[in-house]
């Protein structure tokens, strides 16, 4: 197990930390989806920037979780990869 995963596992024992971490899951899902889509198209960030007109640094910020994309930006990114954005609303699972 990586050092990061070990530290994360330890911190997630704290219920407050765990709740905050879980609250960020939708953002993590968007980031993962963006990265996976770009890589599935075998595009670099620069190539995607060239296709969309979105600055490469902005794409990097999005992929690193340092910026929150608007729906308009997500649609531009998807369009640049020949894809469409799909958003689901799902019931919250109670524990």
Protein backbone atom coordinates (compact mmCIF):
# COMPACT_ATOMS: atom_id res chain seq x y z
CA UNK A 1 0.00 0.00 0.00
CA UNK A 2 1.32 3.46 -0.84
CA UNK A 3 2.25 5.94 1.85
CA UNK A 4 -0.62 8.18 0.72
CA UNK A 5 -3.16 5.37 1.08
CA UNK A 6 -1.80 4.51 4.51
CA UNK A 7 -2.11 8.12 5.68
CA UNK A 8 -5.56 8.45 4.11
CA UNK A 9 -6.77 5.28 5.78
CA UNK A 10 -5.58 6.57 9.14
CA UNK A 11 -7.22 9.98 8.68
CA UNK A 12 -10.50 8.43 7.56
CA UNK A 13 -10.85 6.84 10.97
CA UNK A 14 -11.88 10.31 12.14
CA UNK A 15 -15.65 10.59 11.45
CA UNK A 16 -15.43 14.32 10.64
CA UNK A 17 -12.63 13.79 8.13
CA UNK A 18 -14.46 10.82 6.62
CA UNK A 19 -17.67 12.85 6.18
CA UNK A 20 -15.82 15.69 4.46
CA UNK A 21 -13.90 13.28 2.22
CA UNK A 22 -17.10 11.50 1.20
CA UNK A 23 -18.79 14.83 0.50
CA UNK A 24 -16.12 15.48 -2.15
CA UNK A 25 -16.88 12.23 -4.03
CA UNK A 26 -18.93 13.92 -6.80
CA UNK A 27 -15.98 16.22 -7.56
CA UNK A 28 -13.63 13.22 -7.61
CA UNK A 29 -15.98 11.43 -10.02
CA UNK A 30 -15.97 14.38 -12.43
CA UNK A 31 -12.18 14.60 -12.31
CA UNK A 32 -11.77 10.85 -12.90
CA UNK A 33 -14.27 10.93 -15.78
CA UNK A 34 -12.46 13.85 -17.45
CA UNK A 35 -9.05 12.22 -17.16
CA UNK A 36 -10.28 8.78 -18.27
CA UNK A 37 -12.09 10.26 -21.27
CA UNK A 38 -9.04 12.27 -22.37
CA UNK A 39 -6.73 9.28 -21.96
CA UNK A 40 -9.15 6.95 -23.77
CA UNK A 41 -8.88 9.30 -26.74
CA UNK A 42 -5.07 9.23 -26.34
CA UNK A 43 -4.99 13.01 -26.06
CA UNK A 44 -2.55 15.12 -24.12
CA UNK A 45 -3.83 18.10 -22.21
CA UNK A 46 -2.31 20.33 -24.89
CA UNK A 47 -4.08 18.46 -27.69
CA UNK A 48 -7.38 18.79 -25.84
CA UNK A 49 -6.67 22.48 -25.29
CA UNK A 50 -6.06 22.92 -29.02
CA UNK A 51 -9.35 21.18 -29.83
CA UNK A 52 -11.44 23.13 -27.32
CA UNK A 53 -9.80 26.53 -27.06
CA UNK A 54 -9.52 25.99 -23.29
CA UNK A 55 -6.07 26.85 -21.98
CA UNK A 56 -3.94 23.80 -21.14
CA UNK A 57 -3.21 25.25 -17.70
CA UNK A 58 -6.96 25.43 -17.03
CA UNK A 59 -7.39 21.79 -18.06
CA UNK A 60 -4.53 20.88 -15.73
CA UNK A 61 -6.18 22.79 -12.86
CA UNK A 62 -9.43 20.94 -13.47
CA UNK A 63 -7.73 17.54 -13.56
CA UNK A 64 -5.80 18.31 -10.39
CA UNK A 65 -8.92 19.40 -8.53
CA UNK A 66 -7.80 23.01 -8.26
CA UNK A 67 -10.78 24.41 -10.17
CA UNK A 68 -14.45 23.61 -10.55
CA UNK A 69 -15.66 23.40 -14.14
CA UNK A 70 -18.95 24.88 -15.21
CA UNK A 71 -21.38 22.70 -17.12
CA UNK A 72 -20.56 24.82 -20.18
CA UNK A 73 -16.86 23.99 -19.82
CA UNK A 74 -17.58 20.29 -19.33
CA UNK A 75 -19.62 20.33 -22.53
CA UNK A 76 -16.75 22.03 -24.41
CA UNK A 77 -14.29 19.43 -23.12
CA UNK A 78 -16.61 16.56 -24.02
CA UNK A 79 -17.26 18.01 -27.46
CA UNK A 80 -13.50 18.30 -28.03
CA UNK A 81 -13.28 14.55 -27.46
CA UNK A 82 -16.31 13.71 -29.59
CA UNK A 83 -18.32 12.91 -26.47
CA UNK A 84 -21.34 14.22 -24.59
CA UNK A 85 -21.77 14.99 -20.90
CA UNK A 86 -24.12 12.75 -18.94
CA UNK A 87 -25.22 13.64 -15.41
CA UNK A 88 -27.21 11.30 -13.18
CA UNK A 89 -29.16 12.00 -10.04
CA UNK A 90 -29.22 8.90 -7.88
CA UNK A 91 -30.81 8.14 -4.52
CA UNK A 92 -28.60 8.67 -1.50
CA UNK A 93 -27.73 5.38 0.15
CA UNK A 94 -28.38 5.49 3.87
CA UNK A 95 -25.98 3.65 6.11
